[in-house]
């Protein structure tokens, strides 16, 4: 009886050792701290979007020195203005640190046979015209099959949206300056 208990204990102990040795955490790279590696290992993904990466945490924005990031790598005024400009459209993907905003397909009520999708890229930390890039994609509904087909990009609308975003960013900056005086 004692031998069976000893055998069970030995079996459980070796099983526990085997299970714990199965987990593997790679050594951090030179640019990756131990805290970054621990956070990456514990990343379970986003509950809301279902994507495998969890994205930005509020703590990363509030404590940039603790989280290892030094703030937004894109112009905050352009970012906010871009979000304001496309606020009537549902958003598909938003990447604050990559500076990318992508909307879902949007059909205007006045033109139900055409829809647009907008991709906005904020590419610089400066408030300049070349720091924003907008791409507008168009689709048209086929009258026979009722399926959507690509009809290209609307460069004129893209340029107008860039101008709107720049104007809105300047308005936000002017409002911030007036508030501080």
Protein backbone atom coordinates (compact mmCIF):
# COMPACT_ATOMS: atom_id res chain seq x y z
CA UNK A 1 0.00 0.00 0.00
CA UNK A 2 2.80 2.35 0.92
CA UNK A 3 4.56 1.46 -2.30
CA UNK A 4 1.49 2.38 -4.38
CA UNK A 5 1.27 5.78 -2.65
CA UNK A 6 4.98 6.36 -3.28
CA UNK A 7 4.53 5.37 -6.90
CA UNK A 8 1.53 7.70 -7.29
CA UNK A 9 3.47 10.56 -5.71
CA UNK A 10 6.46 9.96 -7.98
CA UNK A 11 4.20 9.78 -11.01
CA UNK A 12 2.40 13.02 -10.08
CA UNK A 13 5.70 14.79 -9.37
CA UNK A 14 7.19 13.76 -12.72
CA UNK A 15 3.97 14.73 -14.48
CA UNK A 16 4.06 18.17 -12.84
CA UNK A 17 7.68 18.65 -13.90
CA UNK A 18 6.87 17.58 -17.47
CA UNK A 19 3.90 19.95 -17.72
CA UNK A 20 5.76 22.97 -16.36
CA UNK A 21 8.74 22.33 -18.62
CA UNK A 22 6.43 22.51 -21.67
CA UNK A 23 5.95 26.24 -21.32
CA UNK A 24 8.57 28.16 -23.24
CA UNK A 25 9.26 31.86 -23.06
CA UNK A 26 11.87 33.12 -25.52
CA UNK A 27 14.64 35.33 -24.21
CA UNK A 28 13.94 39.04 -24.68
CA UNK A 29 15.62 40.74 -27.60
CA UNK A 30 17.89 43.68 -26.96
CA UNK A 31 15.05 46.16 -27.53
CA UNK A 32 12.53 44.17 -25.50
CA UNK A 33 12.53 44.45 -21.71
CA UNK A 34 11.58 41.62 -19.38
CA UNK A 35 8.33 43.50 -18.57
CA UNK A 36 7.48 43.75 -22.29
CA UNK A 37 8.11 40.01 -22.68
CA UNK A 38 5.92 39.22 -19.66
CA UNK A 39 3.10 41.39 -21.03
CA UNK A 40 3.37 39.72 -24.44
CA UNK A 41 3.26 36.25 -22.86
CA UNK A 42 0.13 37.15 -20.86
CA UNK A 43 -1.62 38.79 -23.83
CA UNK A 44 -4.95 37.05 -24.34
CA UNK A 45 -6.29 39.28 -27.09
CA UNK A 46 -9.20 41.66 -27.25
CA UNK A 47 -12.51 40.71 -25.71
CA UNK A 48 -14.36 43.35 -27.76
CA UNK A 49 -12.87 42.86 -31.22
CA UNK A 50 -11.89 39.19 -31.06
CA UNK A 51 -8.44 39.98 -32.48
CA UNK A 52 -5.50 38.00 -31.12
CA UNK A 53 -3.59 41.09 -29.98
CA UNK A 54 -5.07 43.18 -27.20
CA UNK A 55 -3.82 46.51 -28.58
CA UNK A 56 -3.25 49.61 -26.49
CA UNK A 57 -3.88 49.62 -22.78
CA UNK A 58 -4.98 52.72 -20.89
CA UNK A 59 -1.95 52.31 -18.63
CA UNK A 60 0.32 52.67 -21.68
CA UNK A 61 -1.15 56.11 -22.38
CA UNK A 62 -1.27 57.33 -18.78
CA UNK A 63 2.18 56.08 -17.71
CA UNK A 64 4.40 56.23 -20.81
CA UNK A 65 7.66 55.90 -18.88
CA UNK A 66 6.44 52.78 -17.10
CA UNK A 67 5.06 51.10 -20.21
CA UNK A 68 8.12 51.81 -22.32
CA UNK A 69 6.43 54.10 -24.85
CA UNK A 70 7.21 57.78 -25.10
CA UNK A 71 3.79 59.01 -26.25
CA UNK A 72 1.97 59.15 -29.53
CA UNK A 73 4.26 58.77 -32.55
CA UNK A 74 1.76 60.75 -34.66
CA UNK A 75 0.43 64.29 -34.40
CA UNK A 76 -2.34 64.28 -31.79
CA UNK A 77 -4.17 67.21 -33.44
CA UNK A 78 -4.26 65.48 -36.82
CA UNK A 79 -5.33 62.24 -35.14
CA UNK A 80 -8.23 63.88 -33.32
CA UNK A 81 -9.24 65.86 -36.40
CA UNK A 82 -9.22 62.69 -38.52
CA UNK A 83 -11.44 60.90 -36.01
CA UNK A 84 -13.79 63.92 -35.91
CA UNK A 85 -13.98 64.00 -39.71
CA UNK A 86 -15.03 60.37 -40.13
CA UNK A 87 -17.13 60.20 -36.96
CA UNK A 88 -20.34 59.64 -38.97
CA UNK A 89 -18.94 56.40 -40.41
CA UNK A 90 -18.47 53.10 -38.56
CA UNK A 91 -14.81 52.34 -37.89
CA UNK A 92 -13.25 49.05 -38.93
CA UNK A 93 -9.73 49.46 -37.56
CA UNK A 94 -8.00 52.13 -35.48
CA UNK A 95 -4.29 52.01 -34.69
CA UNK A 96 -3.23 54.99 -32.59
CA UNK A 97 0.48 54.26 -32.62
CA UNK A 98 0.54 53.29 -36.29
CA UNK A 99 -1.51 56.36 -37.19
CA UNK A 100 -4.10 54.39 -39.17
CA UNK A 101 -7.87 54.79 -39.27
CA UNK A 102 -9.92 52.56 -41.58
CA UNK A 103 -13.68 52.86 -41.85
CA UNK A 104 -16.14 50.19 -42.80
CA UNK A 105 -18.04 50.48 -46.06
CA UNK A 106 -20.49 53.36 -45.79
CA UNK A 107 -23.53 53.95 -47.99
CA UNK A 108 -24.92 57.47 -47.98
CA UNK A 109 -28.74 57.54 -47.76
CA UNK A 110 -28.95 59.83 -50.81
CA UNK A 111 -27.03 57.35 -53.00
CA UNK A 112 -27.83 53.74 -51.96
CA UNK A 113 -26.12 52.22 -55.03
CA UNK A 114 -22.66 53.50 -54.14
CA UNK A 115 -20.56 53.09 -51.02
CA UNK A 116 -17.16 54.30 -49.83
CA UNK A 117 -14.41 53.10 -47.54
CA UNK A 118 -11.84 55.53 -46.20
CA UNK A 119 -8.29 54.80 -45.04
CA UNK A 120 -6.53 57.63 -43.19
CA UNK A 121 -2.81 57.58 -42.43
CA UNK A 122 -1.24 60.11 -40.06
CA UNK A 123 2.45 59.73 -40.87
CA UNK A 124 4.26 62.46 -38.91
CA UNK A 125 4.32 64.24 -35.58
CA UNK A 126 4.23 67.68 -37.20
CA UNK A 127 1.05 69.52 -38.21
CA UNK A 128 1.80 69.74 -41.93
CA UNK A 129 -0.07 68.95 -45.12
CA UNK A 130 2.18 66.00 -45.97
CA UNK A 131 1.61 64.44 -42.52
CA UNK A 132 -1.84 63.17 -43.54
CA UNK A 133 -2.75 60.78 -46.35
CA UNK A 134 -6.33 59.79 -47.18
CA UNK A 135 -7.39 57.04 -49.58
CA UNK A 136 -11.06 56.76 -50.58
CA UNK A 137 -12.25 53.53 -52.19
CA UNK A 138 -15.54 53.29 -54.11
CA UNK A 139 -17.88 50.42 -54.86
CA UNK A 140 -21.05 50.38 -56.94
CA UNK A 141 -23.98 47.99 -56.72
CA UNK A 142 -24.61 46.00 -59.89
CA UNK A 143 -28.26 46.51 -60.92
CA UNK A 144 -28.61 42.93 -62.20
CA UNK A 145 -26.96 40.91 -59.43
CA UNK A 146 -27.15 43.40 -56.52
CA UNK A 147 -23.51 42.61 -55.72
CA UNK A 148 -20.94 45.30 -54.98
CA UNK A 149 -18.08 45.78 -57.44
CA UNK A 150 -15.00 47.96 -57.11
CA UNK A 151 -14.93 51.07 -59.26
CA UNK A 152 -11.63 52.51 -58.05
CA UNK A 153 -10.54 55.39 -55.87
CA UNK A 154 -11.83 58.94 -55.66
CA UNK A 155 -8.70 61.11 -55.48
CA UNK A 156 -10.73 64.34 -55.44
CA UNK A 157 -12.69 63.27 -52.37
CA UNK A 158 -9.45 62.09 -50.74
CA UNK A 159 -7.90 65.54 -51.24
CA UNK A 160 -11.01 67.29 -49.87
CA UNK A 161 -10.96 65.04 -46.80
CA UNK A 162 -7.26 65.80 -46.25
CA UNK A 163 -8.08 69.52 -46.39
CA UNK A 164 -10.98 69.06 -43.95
CA UNK A 165 -8.75 67.17 -41.51
CA UNK A 166 -6.02 69.83 -41.72
CA UNK A 167 -8.58 72.61 -41.20
CA UNK A 168 -10.11 70.82 -38.22
CA UNK A 169 -6.64 70.23 -36.69
CA UNK A 170 -5.86 73.95 -37.00
CA UNK A 171 -9.21 74.76 -35.35
CA UNK A 172 -8.41 72.43 -32.46
CA UNK A 173 -4.95 73.99 -32.06
CA UNK A 174 -6.43 77.50 -32.14
CA UNK A 175 -9.01 76.49 -29.54
CA UNK A 176 -6.29 75.09 -27.28
CA UNK A 177 -4.25 78.29 -27.58
CA UNK A 178 -7.27 80.44 -26.71
CA UNK A 179 -8.05 78.26 -23.68
CA UNK A 180 -4.55 78.69 -22.26
CA UNK A 181 -4.60 82.50 -22.56
